[in-house]
């Protein structure tokens, strides 16, 4: 578990470095999901992302236990409004795409 925790933190750091930091340094890392309850993981994230502030999503007004529900709500909102919500430069997709399908029952 120790090794997996370090791997998780460095995988997050790698993704942030490659896809977010090119636009500038981060000041805040908001952690959601089960990891937000893991004190060891939060300690590692704080060390690796210093001087950025690391906090749970709950401190930004979104309960960290609702991360998946919030993500699906955002995706549904974008789909209903005809907005692409994929990230081609991250996924390798050739173009922006509207994700999901809205099905209405009778």
PDB file of N, CA and C in Angstrom:
ATOM      1  N   UNK A   1       0.819  -1.180   0.000  1.00  0.00           N
ATOM      2  CA  UNK A   1       0.000   0.000   0.000  1.00  0.00           C
ATOM      3  C   UNK A   1       0.875   1.261   0.000  1.00  0.00           C
ATOM      4  N   UNK A   2       1.994   1.169   0.690  1.00  0.00           N
ATOM      5  CA  UNK A   2       2.921   2.311   0.739  1.00  0.00           C
ATOM      6  C   UNK A   2       3.401   2.654  -0.668  1.00  0.00           C
ATOM      7  N   UNK A   3       3.853   1.626  -1.387  1.00  0.00           N
ATOM      8  CA  UNK A   3       4.355   1.827  -2.752  1.00  0.00           C
ATOM      9  C   UNK A   3       3.242   2.328  -3.664  1.00  0.00           C
ATOM     10  N   UNK A   4       2.049   1.775  -3.523  1.00  0.00           N
ATOM     11  CA  UNK A   4       0.919   2.196  -4.355  1.00  0.00           C
ATOM     12  C   UNK A   4       0.552   3.657  -4.079  1.00  0.00           C
ATOM     13  N   UNK A   5       0.648   4.070  -2.823  1.00  0.00           N
ATOM     14  CA  UNK A   5       0.366   5.471  -2.493  1.00  0.00           C
ATOM     15  C   UNK A   5       1.368   6.400  -3.170  1.00  0.00           C
ATOM     16  N   UNK A   6       2.646   6.047  -3.104  1.00  0.00           N
ATOM     17  CA  UNK A   6       3.673   6.860  -3.779  1.00  0.00           C
ATOM     18  C   UNK A   6       3.441   6.873  -5.284  1.00  0.00           C
ATOM     19  N   UNK A   7       3.118   5.718  -5.851  1.00  0.00           N
ATOM     20  CA  UNK A   7       2.863   5.642  -7.292  1.00  0.00           C
ATOM     21  C   UNK A   7       1.692   6.557  -7.673  1.00  0.00           C
ATOM     22  N   UNK A   8       0.639   6.528  -6.883  1.00  0.00           N
ATOM     23  CA  UNK A   8      -0.539   7.360  -7.159  1.00  0.00           C
ATOM     24  C   UNK A   8      -0.172   8.841  -7.157  1.00  0.00           C
ATOM     25  N   UNK A   9       0.583   9.262  -6.138  1.00  0.00           N
ATOM     26  CA  UNK A   9       0.975  10.665  -6.030  1.00  0.00           C
ATOM     27  C   UNK A   9       1.862  11.082  -7.206  1.00  0.00           C
ATOM     28  N   UNK A  10       2.796  10.248  -7.570  1.00  0.00           N
ATOM     29  CA  UNK A  10       3.684  10.616  -8.681  1.00  0.00           C
ATOM     30  C   UNK A  10       2.972  10.552 -10.024  1.00  0.00           C
ATOM     31  N   UNK A  11       1.971   9.685 -10.163  1.00  0.00           N
ATOM     32  CA  UNK A  11       1.176   9.666 -11.398  1.00  0.00           C
ATOM     33  C   UNK A  11       0.359  10.952 -11.514  1.00  0.00           C
ATOM     34  N   UNK A  12      -0.197  11.404 -10.398  1.00  0.00           N
ATOM     35  CA  UNK A  12      -0.938  12.671 -10.395  1.00  0.00           C
ATOM     36  C   UNK A  12       0.009  13.818 -10.720  1.00  0.00           C
ATOM     37  N   UNK A  13       1.167  13.826 -10.090  1.00  0.00           N
ATOM     38  CA  UNK A  13       2.146  14.891 -10.327  1.00  0.00           C
ATOM     39  C   UNK A  13       2.592  14.911 -11.788  1.00  0.00           C
ATOM     40  N   UNK A  14       2.816  13.755 -12.352  1.00  0.00           N
ATOM     41  CA  UNK A  14       3.216  13.667 -13.755  1.00  0.00           C
ATOM     42  C   UNK A  14       2.136  14.254 -14.669  1.00  0.00           C
ATOM     43  N   UNK A  15       0.879  13.883 -14.417  1.00  0.00           N
ATOM     44  CA  UNK A  15      -0.218  14.391 -15.251  1.00  0.00           C
ATOM     45  C   UNK A  15      -0.354  15.901 -15.117  1.00  0.00           C
ATOM     46  N   UNK A  16      -0.253  16.409 -13.909  1.00  0.00           N
ATOM     47  CA  UNK A  16      -0.338  17.862 -13.695  1.00  0.00           C
ATOM     48  C   UNK A  16       0.820  18.564 -14.403  1.00  0.00           C
ATOM     49  N   UNK A  17       2.012  17.994 -14.289  1.00  0.00           N
ATOM     50  CA  UNK A  17       3.189  18.601 -14.923  1.00  0.00           C
ATOM     51  C   UNK A  17       3.066  18.651 -16.433  1.00  0.00           C
ATOM     52  N   UNK A  18       2.525  17.597 -17.018  1.00  0.00           N
ATOM     53  CA  UNK A  18       2.435  17.542 -18.480  1.00  0.00           C
ATOM     54  C   UNK A  18       1.250  18.300 -19.052  1.00  0.00           C
ATOM     55  N   UNK A  19       0.108  18.300 -18.347  1.00  0.00           N
ATOM     56  CA  UNK A  19      -1.103  18.840 -18.954  1.00  0.00           C
ATOM     57  C   UNK A  19      -1.610  20.138 -18.347  1.00  0.00           C
ATOM     58  N   UNK A  20      -1.162  20.490 -17.165  1.00  0.00           N
ATOM     59  CA  UNK A  20      -1.653  21.706 -16.526  1.00  0.00           C
ATOM     60  C   UNK A  20      -0.544  22.734 -16.349  1.00  0.00           C
ATOM     61  N   UNK A  21       0.599  22.332 -15.839  1.00  0.00           N
ATOM     62  CA  UNK A  21       1.686  23.281 -15.569  1.00  0.00           C
ATOM     63  C   UNK A  21       2.206  24.017 -16.803  1.00  0.00           C
ATOM     64  N   UNK A  22       2.117  23.467 -18.014  1.00  0.00           N
ATOM     65  CA  UNK A  22       2.563  24.273 -19.160  1.00  0.00           C
ATOM     66  C   UNK A  22       1.824  25.603 -19.261  1.00  0.00           C
ATOM     67  N   UNK A  23       0.622  25.676 -18.667  1.00  0.00           N
ATOM     68  CA  UNK A  23      -0.148  26.920 -18.668  1.00  0.00           C
ATOM     69  C   UNK A  23       0.205  27.812 -17.492  1.00  0.00           C
ATOM     70  N   UNK A  24       1.072  27.347 -16.616  1.00  0.00           N
ATOM     71  CA  UNK A  24       1.481  28.137 -15.452  1.00  0.00           C
ATOM     72  C   UNK A  24       1.454  27.284 -14.198  1.00  0.00           C
ATOM     73  N   UNK A  25       2.073  27.758 -13.138  1.00  0.00           N
ATOM     74  CA  UNK A  25       2.121  26.979 -11.897  1.00  0.00           C
ATOM     75  C   UNK A  25       0.740  26.864 -11.264  1.00  0.00           C
ATOM     76  N   UNK A  26       0.538  25.780 -10.529  1.00  0.00           N
ATOM     77  CA  UNK A  26      -0.734  25.641  -9.824  1.00  0.00           C
ATOM     78  C   UNK A  26      -0.582  26.205  -8.418  1.00  0.00           C
ATOM     79  N   UNK A  27      -1.655  26.758  -7.918  1.00  0.00           N
ATOM     80  CA  UNK A  27      -1.658  27.317  -6.564  1.00  0.00           C
ATOM     81  C   UNK A  27      -2.450  26.449  -5.604  1.00  0.00           C
ATOM     82  N   UNK A  28      -3.396  25.644  -6.161  1.00  0.00           N
ATOM     83  CA  UNK A  28      -4.280  24.843  -5.321  1.00  0.00           C
ATOM     84  C   UNK A  28      -4.542  23.501  -5.981  1.00  0.00           C
ATOM     85  N   UNK A  29      -4.408  22.434  -5.214  1.00  0.00           N
ATOM     86  CA  UNK A  29      -4.780  21.097  -5.662  1.00  0.00           C
ATOM     87  C   UNK A  29      -5.935  20.660  -4.786  1.00  0.00           C
ATOM     88  N   UNK A  30      -7.100  20.452  -5.373  1.00  0.00           N
ATOM     89  CA  UNK A  30      -8.297  20.052  -4.651  1.00  0.00           C
ATOM     90  C   UNK A  30      -8.489  18.551  -4.858  1.00  0.00           C
ATOM     91  N   UNK A  31      -8.541  17.797  -3.773  1.00  0.00           N
ATOM     92  CA  UNK A  31      -8.581  16.337  -3.831  1.00  0.00           C
ATOM     93  C   UNK A  31      -9.979  15.847  -3.483  1.00  0.00           C
ATOM     94  N   UNK A  32     -10.545  15.028  -4.361  1.00  0.00           N
ATOM     95  CA  UNK A  32     -11.860  14.448  -4.126  1.00  0.00           C
ATOM     96  C   UNK A  32     -11.787  12.943  -4.103  1.00  0.00           C
ATOM     97  N   UNK A  33     -12.906  12.318  -3.808  1.00  0.00           N
ATOM     98  CA  UNK A  33     -12.964  10.866  -3.766  1.00  0.00           C
ATOM     99  C   UNK A  33     -12.369  10.319  -2.479  1.00  0.00           C
ATOM    100  N   UNK A  34     -12.192   9.010  -2.458  1.00  0.00           N
ATOM    101  CA  UNK A  34     -11.683   8.348  -1.275  1.00  0.00           C
ATOM    102  C   UNK A  34     -10.313   8.809  -0.839  1.00  0.00           C
ATOM    103  N   UNK A  35      -9.481   9.223  -1.782  1.00  0.00           N
ATOM    104  CA  UNK A  35      -8.137   9.684  -1.455  1.00  0.00           C
ATOM    105  C   UNK A  35      -8.127  10.875  -0.518  1.00  0.00           C
ATOM    106  N   UNK A  36      -9.179  11.664  -0.551  1.00  0.00           N
ATOM    107  CA  UNK A  36      -9.262  12.832   0.320  1.00  0.00           C
ATOM    108  C   UNK A  36      -9.350  12.432   1.797  1.00  0.00           C
ATOM    109  N   UNK A  37      -9.740  11.190   2.066  1.00  0.00           N
ATOM    110  CA  UNK A  37      -9.849  10.693   3.440  1.00  0.00           C
ATOM    111  C   UNK A  37      -8.576   9.969   3.890  1.00  0.00           C
ATOM    112  N   UNK A  38      -7.633   9.808   2.971  1.00  0.00           N
ATOM    113  CA  UNK A  38      -6.401   9.067   3.261  1.00  0.00           C
ATOM    114  C   UNK A  38      -5.323  10.060   3.717  1.00  0.00           C
ATOM    115  N   UNK A  39      -5.053  10.085   5.014  1.00  0.00           N
ATOM    116  CA  UNK A  39      -4.112  11.069   5.572  1.00  0.00           C
ATOM    117  C   UNK A  39      -2.712  10.916   4.991  1.00  0.00           C
ATOM    118  N   UNK A  40      -2.272   9.675   4.754  1.00  0.00           N
ATOM    119  CA  UNK A  40      -0.940   9.452   4.197  1.00  0.00           C
ATOM    120  C   UNK A  40      -0.858   9.997   2.770  1.00  0.00           C
ATOM    121  N   UNK A  41      -1.863   9.713   1.975  1.00  0.00           N
ATOM    122  CA  UNK A  41      -1.896  10.202   0.594  1.00  0.00           C
ATOM    123  C   UNK A  41      -1.915  11.733   0.569  1.00  0.00           C
ATOM    124  N   UNK A  42      -2.717  12.345   1.423  1.00  0.00           N
ATOM    125  CA  UNK A  42      -2.777  13.807   1.478  1.00  0.00           C
ATOM    126  C   UNK A  42      -1.427  14.391   1.905  1.00  0.00           C
ATOM    127  N   UNK A  43      -0.741  13.722   2.832  1.00  0.00           N
ATOM    128  CA  UNK A  43       0.589  14.179   3.270  1.00  0.00           C
ATOM    129  C   UNK A  43       1.567  14.135   2.103  1.00  0.00           C
ATOM    130  N   UNK A  44       1.554  13.038   1.348  1.00  0.00           N
ATOM    131  CA  UNK A  44       2.455  12.908   0.195  1.00  0.00           C
ATOM    132  C   UNK A  44       2.143  13.966  -0.862  1.00  0.00           C
ATOM    133  N   UNK A  45       0.866  14.174  -1.145  1.00  0.00           N
ATOM    134  CA  UNK A  45       0.479  15.184  -2.135  1.00  0.00           C
ATOM    135  C   UNK A  45       0.962  16.562  -1.699  1.00  0.00           C
ATOM    136  N   UNK A  46       0.816  16.859  -0.408  1.00  0.00           N
ATOM    137  CA  UNK A  46       1.268  18.148   0.114  1.00  0.00           C
ATOM    138  C   UNK A  46       2.773  18.317  -0.074  1.00  0.00           C
ATOM    139  N   UNK A  47       3.533  17.262   0.188  1.00  0.00           N
ATOM    140  CA  UNK A  47       4.991  17.322   0.023  1.00  0.00           C
ATOM    141  C   UNK A  47       5.378  17.507  -1.445  1.00  0.00           C
ATOM    142  N   UNK A  48       4.784  16.724  -2.323  1.00  0.00           N
ATOM    143  CA  UNK A  48       5.164  16.726  -3.743  1.00  0.00           C
ATOM    144  C   UNK A  48       4.711  17.998  -4.455  1.00  0.00           C
ATOM    145  N   UNK A  49       3.558  18.553  -4.079  1.00  0.00           N
ATOM    146  CA  UNK A  49       3.026  19.725  -4.783  1.00  0.00           C
ATOM    147  C   UNK A  49       3.401  21.058  -4.138  1.00  0.00           C
ATOM    148  N   UNK A  50       4.161  21.012  -3.048  1.00  0.00           N
ATOM    149  CA  UNK A  50       4.592  22.242  -2.402  1.00  0.00           C
ATOM    150  C   UNK A  50       5.292  23.148  -3.424  1.00  0.00           C
ATOM    151  N   UNK A  51       5.012  24.420  -3.450  1.00  0.00           N
ATOM    152  CA  UNK A  51       4.328  25.244  -2.470  1.00  0.00           C
ATOM    153  C   UNK A  51       2.822  25.378  -2.694  1.00  0.00           C
ATOM    154  N   UNK A  52       2.250  24.639  -3.654  1.00  0.00           N
ATOM    155  CA  UNK A  52       0.807  24.724  -3.878  1.00  0.00           C
ATOM    156  C   UNK A  52       0.061  24.217  -2.643  1.00  0.00           C
ATOM    157  N   UNK A  53      -1.094  24.798  -2.405  1.00  0.00           N
ATOM    158  CA  UNK A  53      -1.933  24.344  -1.298  1.00  0.00           C
ATOM    159  C   UNK A  53      -2.664  23.075  -1.730  1.00  0.00           C
ATOM    160  N   UNK A  54      -2.703  22.079  -0.869  1.00  0.00           N
ATOM    161  CA  UNK A  54      -3.430  20.835  -1.127  1.00  0.00           C
ATOM    162  C   UNK A  54      -4.547  20.757  -0.100  1.00  0.00           C
ATOM    163  N   UNK A  55      -5.784  20.619  -0.584  1.00  0.00           N
ATOM    164  CA  UNK A  55      -6.929  20.542   0.322  1.00  0.00           C
ATOM    165  C   UNK A  55      -7.974  19.597  -0.233  1.00  0.00           C
ATOM    166  N   UNK A  56      -8.904  19.208   0.618  1.00  0.00           N
ATOM    167  CA  UNK A  56      -9.982  18.346   0.158  1.00  0.00           C
ATOM    168  C   UNK A  56     -10.994  19.177  -0.625  1.00  0.00           C
ATOM    169  N   UNK A  57     -11.699  18.524  -1.519  1.00  0.00           N
ATOM    170  CA  UNK A  57     -12.704  19.216  -2.325  1.00  0.00           C
ATOM    171  C   UNK A  57     -13.784  19.829  -1.446  1.00  0.00           C
ATOM    172  N   UNK A  58     -14.018  19.229  -0.278  1.00  0.00           N
ATOM    173  CA  UNK A  58     -15.033  19.757   0.636  1.00  0.00           C
ATOM    174  C   UNK A  58     -14.785  21.202   1.019  1.00  0.00           C
ATOM    175  N   UNK A  59     -13.537  21.609   1.046  1.00  0.00           N
ATOM    176  CA  UNK A  59     -13.214  22.997   1.403  1.00  0.00           C
ATOM    177  C   UNK A  59     -13.542  23.967   0.277  1.00  0.00           C
ATOM    178  N   UNK A  60     -13.811  23.454  -0.926  1.00  0.00           N
ATOM    179  CA  UNK A  60     -14.202  24.321  -2.034  1.00  0.00           C
ATOM    180  C   UNK A  60     -15.716  24.290  -2.248  1.00  0.00           C
ATOM    181  N   UNK A  61     -16.416  23.556  -1.365  1.00  0.00           N
ATOM    182  CA  UNK A  61     -17.875  23.522  -1.450  1.00  0.00           C
ATOM    183  C   UNK A  61     -18.445  22.292  -2.122  1.00  0.00           C
ATOM    184  N   UNK A  62     -17.588  21.365  -2.547  1.00  0.00           N
ATOM    185  CA  UNK A  62     -18.062  20.127  -3.171  1.00  0.00           C
ATOM    186  C   UNK A  62     -17.628  18.959  -2.292  1.00  0.00           C
ATOM    187  N   UNK A  63     -18.586  18.248  -1.736  1.00  0.00           N
ATOM    188  CA  UNK A  63     -18.264  17.109  -0.877  1.00  0.00           C
ATOM    189  C   UNK A  63     -17.401  16.125  -1.651  1.00  0.00           C
ATOM    190  N   UNK A  64     -16.246  15.779  -1.088  1.00  0.00           N
ATOM    191  CA  UNK A  64     -15.309  14.890  -1.794  1.00  0.00           C
ATOM    192  C   UNK A  64     -15.903  13.516  -2.093  1.00  0.00           C
ATOM    193  N   UNK A  65     -16.940  13.108  -1.346  1.00  0.00           N
ATOM    194  CA  UNK A  65     -17.563  11.818  -1.597  1.00  0.00           C
ATOM    195  C   UNK A  65     -18.496  11.840  -2.799  1.00  0.00           C
ATOM    196  N   UNK A  66     -18.767  13.026  -3.343  1.00  0.00           N
ATOM    197  CA  UNK A  66     -19.664  13.143  -4.491  1.00  0.00           C
ATOM    198  C   UNK A  66     -18.935  13.415  -5.794  1.00  0.00           C
ATOM    199  N   UNK A  67     -17.628  13.157  -5.819  1.00  0.00           N
ATOM    200  CA  UNK A  67     -16.819  13.472  -6.998  1.00  0.00           C
ATOM    201  C   UNK A  67     -17.391  12.836  -8.271  1.00  0.00           C
ATOM    202  N   UNK A  68     -17.692  11.558  -8.214  1.00  0.00           N
ATOM    203  CA  UNK A  68     -18.191  10.874  -9.412  1.00  0.00           C
ATOM    204  C   UNK A  68     -19.544  11.439  -9.843  1.00  0.00           C
ATOM    205  N   UNK A  69     -20.433  11.687  -8.895  1.00  0.00           N
ATOM    206  CA  UNK A  69     -21.745  12.239  -9.228  1.00  0.00           C
ATOM    207  C   UNK A  69     -21.615  13.616  -9.871  1.00  0.00           C
ATOM    208  N   UNK A  70     -20.723  14.437  -9.341  1.00  0.00           N
ATOM    209  CA  UNK A  70     -20.513  15.779  -9.903  1.00  0.00           C
ATOM    210  C   UNK A  70     -19.943  15.677 -11.317  1.00  0.00           C
ATOM    211  N   UNK A  71     -18.986  14.779 -11.506  1.00  0.00           N
ATOM    212  CA  UNK A  71     -18.400  14.602 -12.848  1.00  0.00           C
ATOM    213  C   UNK A  71     -19.464  14.194 -13.863  1.00  0.00           C
ATOM    214  N   UNK A  72     -20.337  13.247 -13.493  1.00  0.00           N
ATOM    215  CA  UNK A  72     -21.389  12.833 -14.423  1.00  0.00           C
ATOM    216  C   UNK A  72     -22.395  13.952 -14.665  1.00  0.00           C
ATOM    217  N   UNK A  73     -22.662  14.767 -13.664  1.00  0.00           N
ATOM    218  CA  UNK A  73     -23.565  15.904 -13.843  1.00  0.00           C
ATOM    219  C   UNK A  73     -22.972  16.904 -14.833  1.00  0.00           C
ATOM    220  N   UNK A  74     -21.678  17.161 -14.721  1.00  0.00           N
ATOM    221  CA  UNK A  74     -21.009  18.083 -15.654  1.00  0.00           C
ATOM    222  C   UNK A  74     -21.061  17.522 -17.070  1.00  0.00           C
ATOM    223  N   UNK A  75     -20.748  16.242 -17.218  1.00  0.00           N
ATOM    224  CA  UNK A  75     -20.801  15.623 -18.551  1.00  0.00           C
ATOM    225  C   UNK A  75     -22.217  15.668 -19.128  1.00  0.00           C
ATOM    226  N   UNK A  76     -23.237  15.390 -18.308  1.00  0.00           N
ATOM    227  CA  UNK A  76     -24.629  15.439 -18.778  1.00  0.00           C
ATOM    228  C   UNK A  76     -25.004  16.856 -19.204  1.00  0.00           C
ATOM    229  N   UNK A  77     -24.588  17.837 -18.421  1.00  0.00           N
ATOM    230  CA  UNK A  77     -24.874  19.238 -18.757  1.00  0.00           C
ATOM    231  C   UNK A  77     -24.281  19.589 -20.118  1.00  0.00           C
ATOM    232  N   UNK A  78     -23.034  19.219 -20.328  1.00  0.00           N
ATOM    233  CA  UNK A  78     -22.381  19.533 -21.602  1.00  0.00           C
ATOM    234  C   UNK A  78     -23.068  18.812 -22.761  1.00  0.00           C
ATOM    235  N   UNK A  79     -23.429  17.551 -22.571  1.00  0.00           N
ATOM    236  CA  UNK A  79     -24.107  16.792 -23.630  1.00  0.00           C
ATOM    237  C   UNK A  79     -25.457  17.412 -23.955  1.00  0.00           C
ATOM    238  N   UNK A  80     -26.242  17.746 -22.940  1.00  0.00           N
ATOM    239  CA  UNK A  80     -27.558  18.363 -23.156  1.00  0.00           C
ATOM    240  C   UNK A  80     -27.455  19.697 -23.891  1.00  0.00           C
ATOM    241  N   UNK A  81     -26.340  20.389 -23.710  1.00  0.00           N
ATOM    242  CA  UNK A  81     -26.144  21.686 -24.353  1.00  0.00           C
ATOM    243  C   UNK A  81     -25.333  21.607 -25.644  1.00  0.00           C
ATOM    244  N   UNK A  82     -25.101  20.377 -26.119  1.00  0.00           N
ATOM    245  CA  UNK A  82     -24.409  20.194 -27.393  1.00  0.00           C
ATOM    246  C   UNK A  82     -22.950  20.603 -27.370  1.00  0.00           C
ATOM    247  N   UNK A  83     -22.316  20.534 -26.201  1.00  0.00           N
ATOM    248  CA  UNK A  83     -20.924  20.966 -26.055  1.00  0.00           C
ATOM    249  C   UNK A  83     -19.986  19.763 -25.970  1.00  0.00           C
ATOM    250  N   UNK A  84     -18.914  19.770 -26.751  1.00  0.00           N
ATOM    251  CA  UNK A  84     -17.913  18.699 -26.628  1.00  0.00           C
ATOM    252  C   UNK A  84     -17.303  18.721 -25.222  1.00  0.00           C
ATOM    253  N   UNK A  85     -17.047  17.540 -24.676  1.00  0.00           N
ATOM    254  CA  UNK A  85     -16.454  17.500 -23.336  1.00  0.00           C
ATOM    255  C   UNK A  85     -15.267  16.557 -23.247  1.00  0.00           C
ATOM    256  N   UNK A  86     -14.794  16.102 -24.402  1.00  0.00           N
ATOM    257  CA  UNK A  86     -13.556  15.324 -24.368  1.00  0.00           C
ATOM    258  C   UNK A  86     -12.369  16.291 -24.431  1.00  0.00           C
ATOM    259  N   UNK A  87     -11.184  15.781 -24.194  1.00  0.00           N
ATOM    260  CA  UNK A  87      -9.975  16.611 -24.231  1.00  0.00           C
ATOM    261  C   UNK A  87      -8.997  15.937 -25.197  1.00  0.00           C
ATOM    262  N   UNK A  88      -9.084  16.269 -26.490  1.00  0.00           N
ATOM    263  CA  UNK A  88      -8.275  15.576 -27.497  1.00  0.00           C
ATOM    264  C   UNK A  88      -6.779  15.538 -27.203  1.00  0.00           C
ATOM    265  N   UNK A  89      -6.211  16.617 -26.667  1.00  0.00           N
ATOM    266  CA  UNK A  89      -4.770  16.623 -26.416  1.00  0.00           C
ATOM    267  C   UNK A  89      -4.384  15.660 -25.296  1.00  0.00           C
ATOM    268  N   UNK A  90      -5.344  15.231 -24.498  1.00  0.00           N
ATOM    269  CA  UNK A  90      -5.077  14.265 -23.423  1.00  0.00           C
ATOM    270  C   UNK A  90      -5.419  12.851 -23.868  1.00  0.00           C
ATOM    271  N   UNK A  91      -6.558  12.699 -24.560  1.00  0.00           N
ATOM    272  CA  UNK A  91      -7.032  11.357 -24.919  1.00  0.00           C
ATOM    273  C   UNK A  91      -6.471  10.848 -26.242  1.00  0.00           C
ATOM    274  N   UNK A  92      -5.985  11.760 -27.075  1.00  0.00           N
ATOM    275  CA  UNK A  92      -5.509  11.348 -28.391  1.00  0.00           C
ATOM    276  C   UNK A  92      -6.608  11.356 -29.442  1.00  0.00           C
ATOM    277  N   UNK A  93      -7.812  11.789 -29.083  1.00  0.00           N
ATOM    278  CA  UNK A  93      -8.905  11.883 -30.049  1.00  0.00           C
ATOM    279  C   UNK A  93      -8.507  12.872 -31.145  1.00  0.00           C
ATOM    280  N   UNK A  94      -9.031  12.675 -32.335  1.00  0.00           N
ATOM    281  CA  UNK A  94      -8.667  13.538 -33.460  1.00  0.00           C
ATOM    282  C   UNK A  94      -9.457  14.841 -33.488  1.00  0.00           C
ATOM    283  N   UNK A  95     -10.560  14.907 -32.718  1.00  0.00           N
ATOM    284  CA  UNK A  95     -11.373  16.119 -32.713  1.00  0.00           C
ATOM    285  C   UNK A  95     -12.233  16.169 -31.452  1.00  0.00           C
ATOM    286  N   UNK A  96     -12.736  17.346 -31.109  1.00  0.00           N
ATOM    287  CA  UNK A  96     -13.654  17.443 -29.977  1.00  0.00           C
ATOM    288  C   UNK A  96     -14.926  16.630 -30.261  1.00  0.00           C
ATOM    289  N   UNK A  97     -15.515  16.068 -29.219  1.00  0.00           N
ATOM    290  CA  UNK A  97     -16.714  15.244 -29.406  1.00  0.00           C
ATOM    291  C   UNK A  97     -17.687  15.453 -28.254  1.00  0.00           C
ATOM    292  N   UNK A  98     -18.973  15.378 -28.593  1.00  0.00           N
ATOM    293  CA  UNK A  98     -20.016  15.382 -27.568  1.00  0.00           C
ATOM    294  C   UNK A  98     -20.071  13.956 -27.021  1.00  0.00           C
ATOM    295  N   UNK A  99     -19.988  13.832 -25.718  1.00  0.00           N
ATOM    296  CA  UNK A  99     -19.944  12.513 -25.103  1.00  0.00           C
ATOM    297  C   UNK A  99     -21.310  12.112 -24.591  1.00  0.00           C
ATOM    298  N   UNK A 100     -21.606  10.833 -24.677  1.00  0.00           N
ATOM    299  CA  UNK A 100     -22.853  10.318 -24.143  1.00  0.00           C
ATOM    300  C   UNK A 100     -24.002  10.440 -25.112  1.00  0.00           C
ATOM    301  N   UNK A 101     -25.134   9.929 -24.687  1.00  0.00           N
ATOM    302  CA  UNK A 101     -26.357   9.950 -25.500  1.00  0.00           C
ATOM    303  C   UNK A 101     -27.528  10.150 -24.560  1.00  0.00           C
ATOM    304  N   UNK A 102     -28.421  11.038 -24.927  1.00  0.00           N
ATOM    305  CA  UNK A 102     -29.604  11.304 -24.120  1.00  0.00           C
ATOM    306  C   UNK A 102     -30.752  10.457 -24.663  1.00  0.00           C
ATOM    307  N   UNK A 103     -31.313   9.610 -23.817  1.00  0.00           N
ATOM    308  CA  UNK A 103     -32.443   8.759 -24.198  1.00  0.00           C
ATOM    309  C   UNK A 103     -33.637   9.126 -23.348  1.00  0.00           C
ATOM    310  N   UNK A 104     -34.734   9.432 -23.992  1.00  0.00           N
ATOM    311  CA  UNK A 104     -35.945   9.793 -23.256  1.00  0.00           C
ATOM    312  C   UNK A 104     -36.944   8.656 -23.370  1.00  0.00           C
ATOM    313  N   UNK A 105     -37.435   8.208 -22.228  1.00  0.00           N
ATOM    314  CA  UNK A 105     -38.446   7.136 -22.209  1.00  0.00           C
ATOM    315  C   UNK A 105     -39.819   7.686 -22.422  1.00  0.00           C
ATOM    316  N   UNK A 106     -40.771   6.784 -22.612  1.00  0.00           N
ATOM    317  CA  UNK A 106     -42.164   7.202 -22.831  1.00  0.00           C
ATOM    318  C   UNK A 106     -42.878   7.338 -21.530  1.00  0.00           C
TER     319      UNK A 106
END
